[in-house]
Amino acid sequence: MEFAVGNIGGVWIERNEISAEDKERVAKVNGRWLGAQYSHFRTCSLNADLLQSRPGAVVVAVEPDKADIILEALHLINVLIVSRQLAEKLASRLL
């Protein structure tokens, strides 16, 4: 989807620089998704931060080209497990 950076668990994360109309398009696609929704990931992540007895949202990613979606969705991720190649790409982007 051209209006999204990628998806986490089937939930498309919109690009920052898109128009309100395009954001609505992403929302409509996500609305048709029958799995976990953005709000579920956000609640899971926040509960883990508050309660600290829950793992929260755990993401496993391998491909280095997943760096963009990982960086865009960091606010939803409590535990991130990545390949060395992806870790190097993330580190180079963050440092």
PDB file of N, CA and C in Angstrom:
ATOM      1  N   MET A   1       0.859  -1.181   0.000  1.00  0.00           N
ATOM      2  CA  MET A   1       0.000   0.000   0.000  1.00  0.00           C
ATOM      3  C   MET A   1       0.898   1.235   0.000  1.00  0.00           C
ATOM      4  N   GLU A   2       0.688   2.098  -0.954  1.00  0.00           N
ATOM      5  CA  GLU A   2       1.561   3.254  -1.149  1.00  0.00           C
ATOM      6  C   GLU A   2       1.407   4.342  -0.075  1.00  0.00           C
ATOM      7  N   PHE A   3       0.313   4.335   0.662  1.00  0.00           N
ATOM      8  CA  PHE A   3       0.076   5.365   1.674  1.00  0.00           C
ATOM      9  C   PHE A   3       0.564   4.952   3.053  1.00  0.00           C
ATOM     10  N   ALA A   4       1.113   3.743   3.152  1.00  0.00           N
ATOM     11  CA  ALA A   4       1.561   3.212   4.441  1.00  0.00           C
ATOM     12  C   ALA A   4       3.044   2.873   4.379  1.00  0.00           C
ATOM     13  N   VAL A   5       3.683   2.934   5.529  1.00  0.00           N
ATOM     14  CA  VAL A   5       5.082   2.547   5.644  1.00  0.00           C
ATOM     15  C   VAL A   5       5.185   1.031   5.561  1.00  0.00           C
ATOM     16  N   GLY A   6       4.208   0.353   6.109  1.00  0.00           N
ATOM     17  CA  GLY A   6       4.154  -1.104   6.155  1.00  0.00           C
ATOM     18  C   GLY A   6       3.084  -1.500   7.152  1.00  0.00           C
ATOM     19  N   ASN A   7       3.110  -2.758   7.561  1.00  0.00           N
ATOM     20  CA  ASN A   7       2.106  -3.168   8.543  1.00  0.00           C
ATOM     21  C   ASN A   7       2.746  -3.961   9.668  1.00  0.00           C
ATOM     22  N   ILE A   8       2.112  -3.884  10.811  1.00  0.00           N
ATOM     23  CA  ILE A   8       2.491  -4.649  11.997  1.00  0.00           C
ATOM     24  C   ILE A   8       1.300  -5.526  12.318  1.00  0.00           C
ATOM     25  N   GLY A   9       1.485  -6.825  12.212  1.00  0.00           N
ATOM     26  CA  GLY A   9       0.395  -7.751  12.507  1.00  0.00           C
ATOM     27  C   GLY A   9      -0.844  -7.536  11.663  1.00  0.00           C
ATOM     28  N   GLY A  10      -0.668  -7.032  10.452  1.00  0.00           N
ATOM     29  CA  GLY A  10      -1.801  -6.797   9.555  1.00  0.00           C
ATOM     30  C   GLY A  10      -2.384  -5.401   9.639  1.00  0.00           C
ATOM     31  N   VAL A  11      -1.926  -4.593  10.577  1.00  0.00           N
ATOM     32  CA  VAL A  11      -2.407  -3.214  10.725  1.00  0.00           C
ATOM     33  C   VAL A  11      -1.458  -2.282   9.983  1.00  0.00           C
ATOM     34  N   TRP A  12      -1.984  -1.607   8.960  1.00  0.00           N
ATOM     35  CA  TRP A  12      -1.171  -0.702   8.170  1.00  0.00           C
ATOM     36  C   TRP A  12      -0.909   0.581   8.944  1.00  0.00           C
ATOM     37  N   ILE A  13       0.357   1.007   8.949  1.00  0.00           N
ATOM     38  CA  ILE A  13       0.776   2.242   9.622  1.00  0.00           C
ATOM     39  C   ILE A  13       0.998   3.293   8.538  1.00  0.00           C
ATOM     40  N   GLU A  14       0.202   4.349   8.597  1.00  0.00           N
ATOM     41  CA  GLU A  14       0.235   5.375   7.555  1.00  0.00           C
ATOM     42  C   GLU A  14       1.543   6.161   7.569  1.00  0.00           C
ATOM     43  N   ARG A  15       1.901   6.649   6.405  1.00  0.00           N
ATOM     44  CA  ARG A  15       3.061   7.536   6.282  1.00  0.00           C
ATOM     45  C   ARG A  15       2.714   8.884   6.905  1.00  0.00           C
ATOM     46  N   ASN A  16       3.708   9.556   7.440  1.00  0.00           N
ATOM     47  CA  ASN A  16       3.480  10.851   8.078  1.00  0.00           C
ATOM     48  C   ASN A  16       3.071  11.937   7.096  1.00  0.00           C
ATOM     49  N   GLU A  17       3.624  11.901   5.902  1.00  0.00           N
ATOM     50  CA  GLU A  17       3.473  13.020   4.969  1.00  0.00           C
ATOM     51  C   GLU A  17       2.286  12.918   4.030  1.00  0.00           C
ATOM     52  N   ILE A  18       1.347  12.033   4.285  1.00  0.00           N
ATOM     53  CA  ILE A  18       0.213  11.878   3.373  1.00  0.00           C
ATOM     54  C   ILE A  18      -0.934  12.816   3.742  1.00  0.00           C
ATOM     55  N   SER A  19      -1.816  13.023   2.801  1.00  0.00           N
ATOM     56  CA  SER A  19      -2.960  13.919   3.007  1.00  0.00           C
ATOM     57  C   SER A  19      -4.007  13.275   3.929  1.00  0.00           C
ATOM     58  N   ALA A  20      -4.915  14.090   4.391  1.00  0.00           N
ATOM     59  CA  ALA A  20      -6.009  13.588   5.240  1.00  0.00           C
ATOM     60  C   ALA A  20      -6.848  12.571   4.473  1.00  0.00           C
ATOM     61  N   GLU A  21      -7.042  12.808   3.187  1.00  0.00           N
ATOM     62  CA  GLU A  21      -7.808  11.879   2.354  1.00  0.00           C
ATOM     63  C   GLU A  21      -7.109  10.513   2.276  1.00  0.00           C
ATOM     64  N   ASP A  22      -5.798  10.530   2.124  1.00  0.00           N
ATOM     65  CA  ASP A  22      -5.045   9.278   2.060  1.00  0.00           C
ATOM     66  C   ASP A  22      -5.010   8.572   3.420  1.00  0.00           C
ATOM     67  N   LYS A  23      -4.989   9.352   4.490  1.00  0.00           N
ATOM     68  CA  LYS A  23      -5.060   8.751   5.832  1.00  0.00           C
ATOM     69  C   LYS A  23      -6.392   8.031   6.014  1.00  0.00           C
ATOM     70  N   GLU A  24      -7.435   8.603   5.453  1.00  0.00           N
ATOM     71  CA  GLU A  24      -8.758   7.973   5.514  1.00  0.00           C
ATOM     72  C   GLU A  24      -8.764   6.660   4.725  1.00  0.00           C
ATOM     73  N   ARG A  25      -8.053   6.646   3.616  1.00  0.00           N
ATOM     74  CA  ARG A  25      -7.947   5.405   2.826  1.00  0.00           C
ATOM     75  C   ARG A  25      -7.278   4.294   3.637  1.00  0.00           C
ATOM     76  N   VAL A  26      -6.213   4.651   4.328  1.00  0.00           N
ATOM     77  CA  VAL A  26      -5.523   3.666   5.173  1.00  0.00           C
ATOM     78  C   VAL A  26      -6.465   3.184   6.270  1.00  0.00           C
ATOM     79  N   ALA A  27      -7.205   4.098   6.876  1.00  0.00           N
ATOM     80  CA  ALA A  27      -8.153   3.739   7.934  1.00  0.00           C
ATOM     81  C   ALA A  27      -9.228   2.781   7.410  1.00  0.00           C
ATOM     82  N   LYS A  28      -9.692   2.999   6.194  1.00  0.00           N
ATOM     83  CA  LYS A  28     -10.711   2.116   5.605  1.00  0.00           C
ATOM     84  C   LYS A  28     -10.165   0.713   5.375  1.00  0.00           C
ATOM     85  N   VAL A  29      -8.935   0.632   4.897  1.00  0.00           N
ATOM     86  CA  VAL A  29      -8.307  -0.686   4.705  1.00  0.00           C
ATOM     87  C   VAL A  29      -8.171  -1.387   6.053  1.00  0.00           C
ATOM     88  N   ASN A  30      -7.692  -0.662   7.046  1.00  0.00           N
ATOM     89  CA  ASN A  30      -7.552  -1.250   8.383  1.00  0.00           C
ATOM     90  C   ASN A  30      -8.907  -1.650   8.959  1.00  0.00           C
ATOM     91  N   GLY A  31      -9.948  -0.908   8.633  1.00  0.00           N
ATOM     92  CA  GLY A  31     -11.288  -1.212   9.126  1.00  0.00           C
ATOM     93  C   GLY A  31     -11.829  -2.535   8.608  1.00  0.00           C
ATOM     94  N   ARG A  32     -11.325  -2.968   7.461  1.00  0.00           N
ATOM     95  CA  ARG A  32     -11.758  -4.250   6.900  1.00  0.00           C
ATOM     96  C   ARG A  32     -10.978  -5.429   7.471  1.00  0.00           C
ATOM     97  N   TRP A  33      -9.888  -5.138   8.149  1.00  0.00           N
ATOM     98  CA  TRP A  33      -9.046  -6.176   8.737  1.00  0.00           C
ATOM     99  C   TRP A  33      -9.774  -6.799   9.926  1.00  0.00           C
ATOM    100  N   LEU A  34      -9.828  -8.117   9.960  1.00  0.00           N
ATOM    101  CA  LEU A  34     -10.558  -8.818  11.024  1.00  0.00           C
ATOM    102  C   LEU A  34      -9.676  -9.195  12.207  1.00  0.00           C
ATOM    103  N   GLY A  35      -8.379  -9.006  12.069  1.00  0.00           N
ATOM    104  CA  GLY A  35      -7.457  -9.331  13.164  1.00  0.00           C
ATOM    105  C   GLY A  35      -7.347  -8.187  14.158  1.00  0.00           C
ATOM    106  N   ALA A  36      -6.264  -8.197  14.900  1.00  0.00           N
ATOM    107  CA  ALA A  36      -6.009  -7.139  15.888  1.00  0.00           C
ATOM    108  C   ALA A  36      -5.966  -5.788  15.180  1.00  0.00           C
ATOM    109  N   GLN A  37      -6.504  -4.788  15.818  1.00  0.00           N
ATOM    110  CA  GLN A  37      -6.541  -3.432  15.279  1.00  0.00           C
ATOM    111  C   GLN A  37      -5.457  -2.576  15.934  1.00  0.00           C
ATOM    112  N   TYR A  38      -5.223  -1.402  15.380  1.00  0.00           N
ATOM    113  CA  TYR A  38      -4.243  -0.460  15.916  1.00  0.00           C
ATOM    114  C   TYR A  38      -4.498  -0.218  17.401  1.00  0.00           C
ATOM    115  N   SER A  39      -5.748  -0.008  17.762  1.00  0.00           N
ATOM    116  CA  SER A  39      -6.083   0.271  19.165  1.00  0.00           C
ATOM    117  C   SER A  39      -5.711  -0.895  20.079  1.00  0.00           C
ATOM    118  N   HIS A  40      -5.802  -2.122  19.568  1.00  0.00           N
ATOM    119  CA  HIS A  40      -5.413  -3.283  20.372  1.00  0.00           C
ATOM    120  C   HIS A  40      -3.908  -3.273  20.645  1.00  0.00           C
ATOM    121  N   PHE A  41      -3.123  -2.985  19.601  1.00  0.00           N
ATOM    122  CA  PHE A  41      -1.677  -2.919  19.782  1.00  0.00           C
ATOM    123  C   PHE A  41      -1.308  -1.798  20.751  1.00  0.00           C
ATOM    124  N   ARG A  42      -1.967  -0.654  20.589  1.00  0.00           N
ATOM    125  CA  ARG A  42      -1.670   0.505  21.458  1.00  0.00           C
ATOM    126  C   ARG A  42      -2.021   0.186  22.914  1.00  0.00           C
ATOM    127  N   THR A  43      -3.183  -0.397  23.153  1.00  0.00           N
ATOM    128  CA  THR A  43      -3.598  -0.759  24.510  1.00  0.00           C
ATOM    129  C   THR A  43      -2.656  -1.792  25.115  1.00  0.00           C
ATOM    130  N   CYS A  44      -2.305  -2.788  24.333  1.00  0.00           N
ATOM    131  CA  CYS A  44      -1.384  -3.830  24.791  1.00  0.00           C
ATOM    132  C   CYS A  44      -0.037  -3.215  25.183  1.00  0.00           C
ATOM    133  N   SER A  45       0.464  -2.338  24.354  1.00  0.00           N
ATOM    134  CA  SER A  45       1.746  -1.686  24.605  1.00  0.00           C
ATOM    135  C   SER A  45       1.692  -0.810  25.858  1.00  0.00           C
ATOM    136  N   LEU A  46       0.636  -0.011  25.978  1.00  0.00           N
ATOM    137  CA  LEU A  46       0.499   0.870  27.143  1.00  0.00           C
ATOM    138  C   LEU A  46       0.316   0.086  28.438  1.00  0.00           C
ATOM    139  N   ASN A  47      -0.476  -0.982  28.402  1.00  0.00           N
ATOM    140  CA  ASN A  47      -0.673  -1.806  29.599  1.00  0.00           C
ATOM    141  C   ASN A  47       0.631  -2.428  30.062  1.00  0.00           C
ATOM    142  N   ALA A  48       1.454  -2.850  29.135  1.00  0.00           N
ATOM    143  CA  ALA A  48       2.751  -3.433  29.501  1.00  0.00           C
ATOM    144  C   ALA A  48       3.638  -2.381  30.155  1.00  0.00           C
ATOM    145  N   ASP A  49       3.583  -1.151  29.649  1.00  0.00           N
ATOM    146  CA  ASP A  49       4.372  -0.070  30.249  1.00  0.00           C
ATOM    147  C   ASP A  49       3.897   0.246  31.662  1.00  0.00           C
ATOM    148  N   LEU A  50       2.582   0.241  31.861  1.00  0.00           N
ATOM    149  CA  LEU A  50       2.026   0.593  33.167  1.00  0.00           C
ATOM    150  C   LEU A  50       2.153  -0.534  34.189  1.00  0.00           C
ATOM    151  N   LEU A  51       1.837  -1.740  33.776  1.00  0.00           N
ATOM    152  CA  LEU A  51       1.799  -2.859  34.711  1.00  0.00           C
ATOM    153  C   LEU A  51       3.145  -3.565  34.877  1.00  0.00           C
ATOM    154  N   GLN A  52       3.986  -3.508  33.905  1.00  0.00           N
ATOM    155  CA  GLN A  52       5.320  -4.100  33.890  1.00  0.00           C
ATOM    156  C   GLN A  52       5.348  -5.588  34.207  1.00  0.00           C
ATOM    157  N   SER A  53       4.198  -6.222  34.288  1.00  0.00           N
ATOM    158  CA  SER A  53       4.155  -7.672  34.497  1.00  0.00           C
ATOM    159  C   SER A  53       3.708  -8.380  33.222  1.00  0.00           C
ATOM    160  N   ARG A  54       3.535  -7.609  32.155  1.00  0.00           N
ATOM    161  CA  ARG A  54       3.101  -8.149  30.865  1.00  0.00           C
ATOM    162  C   ARG A  54       4.135  -7.808  29.807  1.00  0.00           C
ATOM    163  N   PRO A  55       4.322  -8.708  28.850  1.00  0.00           N
ATOM    164  CA  PRO A  55       5.340  -8.434  27.822  1.00  0.00           C
ATOM    165  C   PRO A  55       4.937  -7.356  26.828  1.00  0.00           C
ATOM    166  N   GLY A  56       3.638  -7.137  26.646  1.00  0.00           N
ATOM    167  CA  GLY A  56       3.181  -6.143  25.683  1.00  0.00           C
ATOM    168  C   GLY A  56       3.262  -6.660  24.270  1.00  0.00           C
ATOM    169  N   ALA A  57       3.488  -5.754  23.344  1.00  0.00           N
ATOM    170  CA  ALA A  57       3.567  -6.117  21.926  1.00  0.00           C
ATOM    171  C   ALA A  57       4.980  -6.585  21.605  1.00  0.00           C
ATOM    172  N   VAL A  58       5.081  -7.819  21.169  1.00  0.00           N
ATOM    173  CA  VAL A  58       6.369  -8.427  20.823  1.00  0.00           C
ATOM    174  C   VAL A  58       6.427  -8.561  19.304  1.00  0.00           C
ATOM    175  N   VAL A  59       7.478  -8.021  18.701  1.00  0.00           N
ATOM    176  CA  VAL A  59       7.637  -8.058  17.247  1.00  0.00           C
ATOM    177  C   VAL A  59       8.927  -8.797  16.910  1.00  0.00           C
ATOM    178  N   VAL A  60       8.818  -9.717  15.964  1.00  0.00           N
ATOM    179  CA  VAL A  60       9.976 -10.419  15.427  1.00  0.00           C
ATOM    180  C   VAL A  60      10.115  -9.988  13.972  1.00  0.00           C
ATOM    181  N   ALA A  61      11.287  -9.470  13.619  1.00  0.00           N
ATOM    182  CA  ALA A  61      11.529  -9.005  12.250  1.00  0.00           C
ATOM    183  C   ALA A  61      12.921  -9.430  11.812  1.00  0.00           C
ATOM    184  N   VAL A  62      13.019  -9.819  10.553  1.00  0.00           N
ATOM    185  CA  VAL A  62      14.284 -10.356  10.053  1.00  0.00           C
ATOM    186  C   VAL A  62      14.867  -9.519   8.919  1.00  0.00           C
ATOM    187  N   GLU A  63      14.054  -9.159   7.962  1.00  0.00           N
ATOM    188  CA  GLU A  63      14.543  -8.497   6.750  1.00  0.00           C
ATOM    189  C   GLU A  63      14.970  -7.052   7.026  1.00  0.00           C
ATOM    190  N   PRO A  64      16.168  -6.653   6.557  1.00  0.00           N
ATOM    191  CA  PRO A  64      16.631  -5.280   6.755  1.00  0.00           C
ATOM    192  C   PRO A  64      15.695  -4.224   6.176  1.00  0.00           C
ATOM    193  N   ASP A  65      14.926  -4.570   5.142  1.00  0.00           N
ATOM    194  CA  ASP A  65      14.018  -3.575   4.577  1.00  0.00           C
ATOM    195  C   ASP A  65      12.774  -3.343   5.437  1.00  0.00           C
ATOM    196  N   LYS A  66      12.703  -3.975   6.600  1.00  0.00           N
ATOM    197  CA  LYS A  66      11.621  -3.717   7.554  1.00  0.00           C
ATOM    198  C   LYS A  66      11.968  -2.555   8.490  1.00  0.00           C
ATOM    199  N   ALA A  67      13.138  -1.958   8.307  1.00  0.00           N
ATOM    200  CA  ALA A  67      13.579  -0.879   9.200  1.00  0.00           C
ATOM    201  C   ALA A  67      12.586   0.277   9.249  1.00  0.00           C
ATOM    202  N   ASP A  68      12.048   0.688   8.107  1.00  0.00           N
ATOM    203  CA  ASP A  68      11.124   1.828   8.078  1.00  0.00           C
ATOM    204  C   ASP A  68       9.890   1.581   8.936  1.00  0.00           C
ATOM    205  N   ILE A  69       9.272   0.422   8.788  1.00  0.00           N
ATOM    206  CA  ILE A  69       8.058   0.147   9.549  1.00  0.00           C
ATOM    207  C   ILE A  69       8.377  -0.012  11.032  1.00  0.00           C
ATOM    208  N   ILE A  70       9.504  -0.615  11.350  1.00  0.00           N
ATOM    209  CA  ILE A  70       9.890  -0.760  12.761  1.00  0.00           C
ATOM    210  C   ILE A  70      10.056   0.621  13.388  1.00  0.00           C
ATOM    211  N   LEU A  71      10.782   1.503  12.721  1.00  0.00           N
ATOM    212  CA  LEU A  71      11.002   2.844  13.270  1.00  0.00           C
ATOM    213  C   LEU A  71       9.701   3.625  13.399  1.00  0.00           C
ATOM    214  N   GLU A  72       8.807   3.468  12.452  1.00  0.00           N
ATOM    215  CA  GLU A  72       7.529   4.181  12.491  1.00  0.00           C
ATOM    216  C   GLU A  72       6.608   3.653  13.583  1.00  0.00           C
ATOM    217  N   ALA A  73       6.744   2.381  13.903  1.00  0.00           N
ATOM    218  CA  ALA A  73       5.839   1.742  14.872  1.00  0.00           C
ATOM    219  C   ALA A  73       6.488   1.514  16.240  1.00  0.00           C
ATOM    220  N   LEU A  74       7.609   2.127  16.503  1.00  0.00           N
ATOM    221  CA  LEU A  74       8.283   1.904  17.795  1.00  0.00           C
ATOM    222  C   LEU A  74       7.383   2.184  18.994  1.00  0.00           C
ATOM    223  N   HIS A  75       6.481   3.128  18.849  1.00  0.00           N
ATOM    224  CA  HIS A  75       5.580   3.470  19.953  1.00  0.00           C
ATOM    225  C   HIS A  75       4.604   2.339  20.288  1.00  0.00           C
ATOM    226  N   LEU A  76       4.495   1.354  19.406  1.00  0.00           N
ATOM    227  CA  LEU A  76       3.600   0.219  19.634  1.00  0.00           C
ATOM    228  C   LEU A  76       4.348  -1.025  20.122  1.00  0.00           C
ATOM    229  N   ILE A  77       5.667  -0.989  20.102  1.00  0.00           N
ATOM    230  CA  ILE A  77       6.483  -2.179  20.339  1.00  0.00           C
ATOM    231  C   ILE A  77       7.124  -2.127  21.721  1.00  0.00           C
ATOM    232  N   ASN A  78       6.924  -3.203  22.496  1.00  0.00           N
ATOM    233  CA  ASN A  78       7.582  -3.312  23.800  1.00  0.00           C
ATOM    234  C   ASN A  78       8.833  -4.178  23.739  1.00  0.00           C
ATOM    235  N   VAL A  79       8.768  -5.239  22.953  1.00  0.00           N
ATOM    236  CA  VAL A  79       9.900  -6.156  22.797  1.00  0.00           C
ATOM    237  C   VAL A  79      10.140  -6.328  21.310  1.00  0.00           C
ATOM    238  N   LEU A  80      11.387  -6.113  20.890  1.00  0.00           N
ATOM    239  CA  LEU A  80      11.741  -6.219  19.481  1.00  0.00           C
ATOM    240  C   LEU A  80      12.864  -7.232  19.321  1.00  0.00           C
ATOM    241  N   ILE A  81      12.608  -8.258  18.523  1.00  0.00           N
ATOM    242  CA  ILE A  81      13.596  -9.291  18.240  1.00  0.00           C
ATOM    243  C   ILE A  81      13.913  -9.184  16.756  1.00  0.00           C
ATOM    244  N   VAL A  82      15.191  -8.933  16.440  1.00  0.00           N
ATOM    245  CA  VAL A  82      15.572  -8.705  15.047  1.00  0.00           C
ATOM    246  C   VAL A  82      16.817  -9.500  14.678  1.00  0.00           C
ATOM    247  N   SER A  83      17.011  -9.661  13.377  1.00  0.00           N
ATOM    248  CA  SER A  83      18.231 -10.270  12.861  1.00  0.00           C
ATOM    249  C   SER A  83      19.392  -9.284  13.033  1.00  0.00           C
ATOM    250  N   ARG A  84      20.606  -9.777  12.945  1.00  0.00           N
ATOM    251  CA  ARG A  84      21.770  -8.912  13.044  1.00  0.00           C
ATOM    252  C   ARG A  84      21.765  -7.872  11.924  1.00  0.00           C
ATOM    253  N   GLN A  85      21.375  -8.295  10.719  1.00  0.00           N
ATOM    254  CA  GLN A  85      21.363  -7.379   9.584  1.00  0.00           C
ATOM    255  C   GLN A  85      20.370  -6.236   9.794  1.00  0.00           C
ATOM    256  N   LEU A  86      19.206  -6.563  10.304  1.00  0.00           N
ATOM    257  CA  LEU A  86      18.213  -5.522  10.585  1.00  0.00           C
ATOM    258  C   LEU A  86      18.675  -4.643  11.738  1.00  0.00           C
ATOM    259  N   ALA A  87      19.285  -5.244  12.751  1.00  0.00           N
ATOM    260  CA  ALA A  87      19.796  -4.463  13.884  1.00  0.00           C
ATOM    261  C   ALA A  87      20.842  -3.454  13.415  1.00  0.00           C
ATOM    262  N   GLU A  88      21.708  -3.869  12.515  1.00  0.00           N
ATOM    263  CA  GLU A  88      22.724  -2.943  11.993  1.00  0.00           C
ATOM    264  C   GLU A  88      22.090  -1.796  11.220  1.00  0.00           C
ATOM    265  N   LYS A  89      21.068  -2.105  10.433  1.00  0.00           N
ATOM    266  CA  LYS A  89      20.393  -1.048   9.677  1.00  0.00           C
ATOM    267  C   LYS A  89      19.656  -0.086  10.610  1.00  0.00           C
ATOM    268  N   LEU A  90      18.978  -0.621  11.623  1.00  0.00           N
ATOM    269  CA  LEU A  90      18.302   0.231  12.593  1.00  0.00           C
ATOM    270  C   LEU A  90      19.298   1.109  13.339  1.00  0.00           C
ATOM    271  N   ALA A  91      20.414   0.517  13.765  1.00  0.00           N
ATOM    272  CA  ALA A  91      21.427   1.276  14.492  1.00  0.00           C
ATOM    273  C   ALA A  91      21.990   2.398  13.636  1.00  0.00           C
ATOM    274  N   SER A  92      22.240   2.117  12.381  1.00  0.00           N
ATOM    275  CA  SER A  92      22.805   3.158  11.499  1.00  0.00           C
ATOM    276  C   SER A  92      21.795   4.286  11.277  1.00  0.00           C
ATOM    277  N   ARG A  93      20.525   3.959  11.245  1.00  0.00           N
ATOM    278  CA  ARG A  93      19.492   4.980  11.055  1.00  0.00           C
ATOM    279  C   ARG A  93      19.271   5.803  12.324  1.00  0.00           C
ATOM    280  N   LEU A  94      19.421   5.172  13.488  1.00  0.00           N
ATOM    281  CA  LEU A  94      19.155   5.853  14.751  1.00  0.00           C
ATOM    282  C   LEU A  94      20.363   6.637  15.268  1.00  0.00           C
ATOM    283  N   LEU A  95      21.531   6.197  14.885  1.00  0.00           N
ATOM    284  CA  LEU A  95      22.748   6.866  15.374  1.00  0.00           C
ATOM    285  C   LEU A  95      23.173   7.846  14.331  1.00  0.00           C
TER     286      LEU A  95
END
